[in-house]
Amino acid sequence: MKRILVVDDEENILALYRDELVEEGYEVELAGDGLEALRKFDVFRPDLVTLDVKMPGLDGLEVLRRMREKSASVRVVLLTAFGEFKQDFTTWASDAYIVKSHDTKELKTTVRRLLGGK
């Protein structure tokens, strides 16, 4: 079973993405901020990380940089409510970039594409 680490500072987004991804057949772990994400990344060893860009403390771009130092092969999907980050070259280190929505169709399609199915 493929493992996904969902990182977001909004509890409702964590719950929504967890439920949707578990329903798709993935094992899901949650992190509410960048530091917790980095701790869980080492222990959980996910195949893919969904990562909120705007978070207090360590933002998603810094977390992405640190995760890439540890594992260049892990798939990372950046998520944000703010489309302007697509212009930020540091987001290009991710495998995909999605504007956050309560409609999880694009997220699930992207995860399936990046992980090659379940």
C-alpha atoms as a PDB file:
ATOM      1  CA  MET A   1       0.000   0.000   0.000  1.00  0.00           C
ATOM      2  CA  LYS A   2       1.361   3.420  -0.992  1.00  0.00           C
ATOM      3  CA  ARG A   3       1.926   5.899   1.846  1.00  0.00           C
ATOM      4  CA  ILE A   4       0.991   9.583   1.758  1.00  0.00           C
ATOM      5  CA  LEU A   5       1.950  12.302   4.238  1.00  0.00           C
ATOM      6  CA  VAL A   6      -0.588  15.150   4.194  1.00  0.00           C
ATOM      7  CA  VAL A   7       0.806  18.441   5.543  1.00  0.00           C
ATOM      8  CA  ASP A   8      -1.489  21.400   6.186  1.00  0.00           C
ATOM      9  CA  ASP A   9      -2.163  23.833   9.021  1.00  0.00           C
ATOM     10  CA  GLU A  10      -5.942  23.704   8.437  1.00  0.00           C
ATOM     11  CA  GLU A  11      -7.585  20.842  10.332  1.00  0.00           C
ATOM     12  CA  ASN A  12     -10.565  20.650   7.971  1.00  0.00           C
ATOM     13  CA  ILE A  13      -8.236  20.194   4.974  1.00  0.00           C
ATOM     14  CA  LEU A  14      -6.266  17.498   6.835  1.00  0.00           C
ATOM     15  CA  ALA A  15      -9.470  15.606   7.606  1.00  0.00           C
ATOM     16  CA  LEU A  16     -10.882  15.995   4.082  1.00  0.00           C
ATOM     17  CA  TYR A  17      -7.691  14.865   2.330  1.00  0.00           C
ATOM     18  CA  ARG A  18      -7.159  11.997   4.792  1.00  0.00           C
ATOM     19  CA  ASP A  19     -10.688  10.679   4.242  1.00  0.00           C
ATOM     20  CA  GLU A  20     -10.524  11.031   0.452  1.00  0.00           C
ATOM     21  CA  LEU A  21      -7.088   9.424   0.123  1.00  0.00           C
ATOM     22  CA  VAL A  22      -7.859   6.571   2.533  1.00  0.00           C
ATOM     23  CA  GLU A  23     -10.986   5.900   0.462  1.00  0.00           C
ATOM     24  CA  GLU A  24      -8.699   5.664  -2.597  1.00  0.00           C
ATOM     25  CA  GLY A  25      -6.734   2.912  -0.831  1.00  0.00           C
ATOM     26  CA  TYR A  26      -3.692   4.804   0.476  1.00  0.00           C
ATOM     27  CA  GLU A  27      -2.162   4.732   3.953  1.00  0.00           C
ATOM     28  CA  VAL A  28      -2.258   8.333   5.199  1.00  0.00           C
ATOM     29  CA  GLU A  29      -0.372  10.166   7.956  1.00  0.00           C
ATOM     30  CA  LEU A  30      -1.111  13.791   8.918  1.00  0.00           C
ATOM     31  CA  ALA A  31       1.089  16.709   9.978  1.00  0.00           C
ATOM     32  CA  GLY A  32      -0.187  20.135  11.052  1.00  0.00           C
ATOM     33  CA  ASP A  33       3.023  22.118  10.474  1.00  0.00           C
ATOM     34  CA  GLY A  34       6.430  21.966   8.831  1.00  0.00           C
ATOM     35  CA  LEU A  35       8.403  20.696  11.817  1.00  0.00           C
ATOM     36  CA  GLU A  36       5.926  17.898  12.497  1.00  0.00           C
ATOM     37  CA  ALA A  37       6.055  17.024   8.789  1.00  0.00           C
ATOM     38  CA  LEU A  38       9.836  16.678   8.838  1.00  0.00           C
ATOM     39  CA  ARG A  39       9.698  14.455  11.938  1.00  0.00           C
ATOM     40  CA  LYS A  40       7.018  12.226  10.441  1.00  0.00           C
ATOM     41  CA  PHE A  41       8.781  12.147   7.065  1.00  0.00           C
ATOM     42  CA  ASP A  42      11.731  10.285   8.607  1.00  0.00           C
ATOM     43  CA  VAL A  43       9.575   7.770  10.500  1.00  0.00           C
ATOM     44  CA  PHE A  44       6.604   7.237   8.137  1.00  0.00           C
ATOM     45  CA  ARG A  45       8.720   7.202   4.956  1.00  0.00           C
ATOM     46  CA  PRO A  46       5.963   8.274   2.560  1.00  0.00           C
ATOM     47  CA  ASP A  47       5.855   7.611  -1.173  1.00  0.00           C
ATOM     48  CA  LEU A  48       4.196  11.000  -1.689  1.00  0.00           C
ATOM     49  CA  VAL A  49       3.737  14.210   0.313  1.00  0.00           C
ATOM     50  CA  THR A  50       0.959  16.753  -0.151  1.00  0.00           C
ATOM     51  CA  LEU A  51       2.389  19.984   1.169  1.00  0.00           C
ATOM     52  CA  ASP A  52       0.661  23.275   1.943  1.00  0.00           C
ATOM     53  CA  VAL A  53       2.795  26.238   0.864  1.00  0.00           C
ATOM     54  CA  LYS A  54       1.572  28.813   3.404  1.00  0.00           C
ATOM     55  CA  MET A  55       2.043  27.616   6.994  1.00  0.00           C
ATOM     56  CA  PRO A  56       3.231  29.343  10.160  1.00  0.00           C
ATOM     57  CA  GLY A  57       6.824  28.614  11.147  1.00  0.00           C
ATOM     58  CA  LEU A  58       8.473  26.620   8.373  1.00  0.00           C
ATOM     59  CA  ASP A  59       6.601  27.270   5.148  1.00  0.00           C
ATOM     60  CA  GLY A  60       5.994  24.547   2.594  1.00  0.00           C
ATOM     61  CA  LEU A  61       8.812  25.655   0.291  1.00  0.00           C
ATOM     62  CA  GLU A  62      11.389  25.291   3.089  1.00  0.00           C
ATOM     63  CA  VAL A  63       9.905  21.913   4.064  1.00  0.00           C
ATOM     64  CA  LEU A  64      10.110  20.855   0.409  1.00  0.00           C
ATOM     65  CA  ARG A  65      13.777  21.880   0.252  1.00  0.00           C
ATOM     66  CA  ARG A  66      14.598  19.870   3.390  1.00  0.00           C
ATOM     67  CA  MET A  67      12.652  16.819   2.222  1.00  0.00           C
ATOM     68  CA  ARG A  68      14.469  16.872  -1.125  1.00  0.00           C
ATOM     69  CA  GLU A  69      17.793  16.882   0.747  1.00  0.00           C
ATOM     70  CA  LYS A  70      16.716  13.681   2.513  1.00  0.00           C
ATOM     71  CA  SER A  71      15.070  11.981  -0.474  1.00  0.00           C
ATOM     72  CA  ALA A  72      15.190  13.194  -4.037  1.00  0.00           C
ATOM     73  CA  SER A  73      12.802  10.438  -5.115  1.00  0.00           C
ATOM     74  CA  VAL A  74       9.770  11.170  -2.907  1.00  0.00           C
ATOM     75  CA  ARG A  75       6.897  12.671  -4.880  1.00  0.00           C
ATOM     76  CA  VAL A  76       5.702  16.071  -3.630  1.00  0.00           C
ATOM     77  CA  VAL A  77       2.469  17.866  -4.503  1.00  0.00           C
ATOM     78  CA  LEU A  78       2.387  21.506  -3.426  1.00  0.00           C
ATOM     79  CA  LEU A  79      -1.036  22.805  -2.440  1.00  0.00           C
ATOM     80  CA  THR A  80      -2.037  26.389  -1.821  1.00  0.00           C
ATOM     81  CA  ALA A  81      -5.024  28.685  -1.972  1.00  0.00           C
ATOM     82  CA  PHE A  82      -2.792  31.223  -3.715  1.00  0.00           C
ATOM     83  CA  GLY A  83      -2.154  30.670  -7.439  1.00  0.00           C
ATOM     84  CA  GLU A  84       0.677  33.228  -7.611  1.00  0.00           C
ATOM     85  CA  PHE A  85       3.180  30.721  -6.205  1.00  0.00           C
ATOM     86  CA  LYS A  86       3.296  29.072  -9.644  1.00  0.00           C
ATOM     87  CA  GLN A  87       5.547  31.979 -10.634  1.00  0.00           C
ATOM     88  CA  ASP A  88       8.004  31.162  -7.804  1.00  0.00           C
ATOM     89  CA  PHE A  89      10.824  29.055  -9.255  1.00  0.00           C
ATOM     90  CA  THR A  90      11.288  27.178  -5.949  1.00  0.00           C
ATOM     91  CA  THR A  91       7.909  25.490  -6.548  1.00  0.00           C
ATOM     92  CA  TRP A  92       9.433  23.827  -9.599  1.00  0.00           C
ATOM     93  CA  ALA A  93      11.206  21.393  -7.252  1.00  0.00           C
ATOM     94  CA  SER A  94       7.810  19.791  -6.644  1.00  0.00           C
ATOM     95  CA  ASP A  95       6.267  17.130  -8.873  1.00  0.00           C
ATOM     96  CA  ALA A  96       2.913  18.912  -9.106  1.00  0.00           C
ATOM     97  CA  TYR A  97       1.219  22.109  -8.006  1.00  0.00           C
ATOM     98  CA  ILE A  98      -2.492  22.333  -7.203  1.00  0.00           C
ATOM     99  CA  VAL A  99      -4.618  25.254  -6.048  1.00  0.00           C
ATOM    100  CA  LYS A 100      -6.446  24.023  -2.915  1.00  0.00           C
ATOM    101  CA  SER A 101     -10.114  23.152  -3.228  1.00  0.00           C
ATOM    102  CA  HIS A 102     -12.729  21.167  -1.372  1.00  0.00           C
ATOM    103  CA  ASP A 103     -13.238  19.368  -4.684  1.00  0.00           C
ATOM    104  CA  THR A 104     -10.559  16.698  -4.410  1.00  0.00           C
ATOM    105  CA  LYS A 105     -10.856  15.358  -7.961  1.00  0.00           C
ATOM    106  CA  GLU A 106      -7.664  17.082  -9.204  1.00  0.00           C
ATOM    107  CA  LEU A 107      -5.747  15.994  -6.095  1.00  0.00           C
ATOM    108  CA  LYS A 108      -6.776  12.343  -6.452  1.00  0.00           C
ATOM    109  CA  THR A 109      -6.017  12.322 -10.186  1.00  0.00           C
ATOM    110  CA  THR A 110      -2.586  13.851  -9.575  1.00  0.00           C
ATOM    111  CA  VAL A 111      -1.762  11.398  -6.767  1.00  0.00           C
ATOM    112  CA  ARG A 112      -2.764   8.420  -8.947  1.00  0.00           C
ATOM    113  CA  ARG A 113      -0.634   9.750 -11.818  1.00  0.00           C
ATOM    114  CA  LEU A 114       2.431  10.309  -9.627  1.00  0.00           C
ATOM    115  CA  LEU A 115       2.196   7.000  -7.801  1.00  0.00           C
ATOM    116  CA  GLY A 116       1.283   4.945 -10.851  1.00  0.00           C
ATOM    117  CA  GLY A 117      -1.958   3.699  -9.325  1.00  0.00           C
ATOM    118  CA  LYS A 118      -2.316   2.014  -5.960  1.00  0.00           C
END
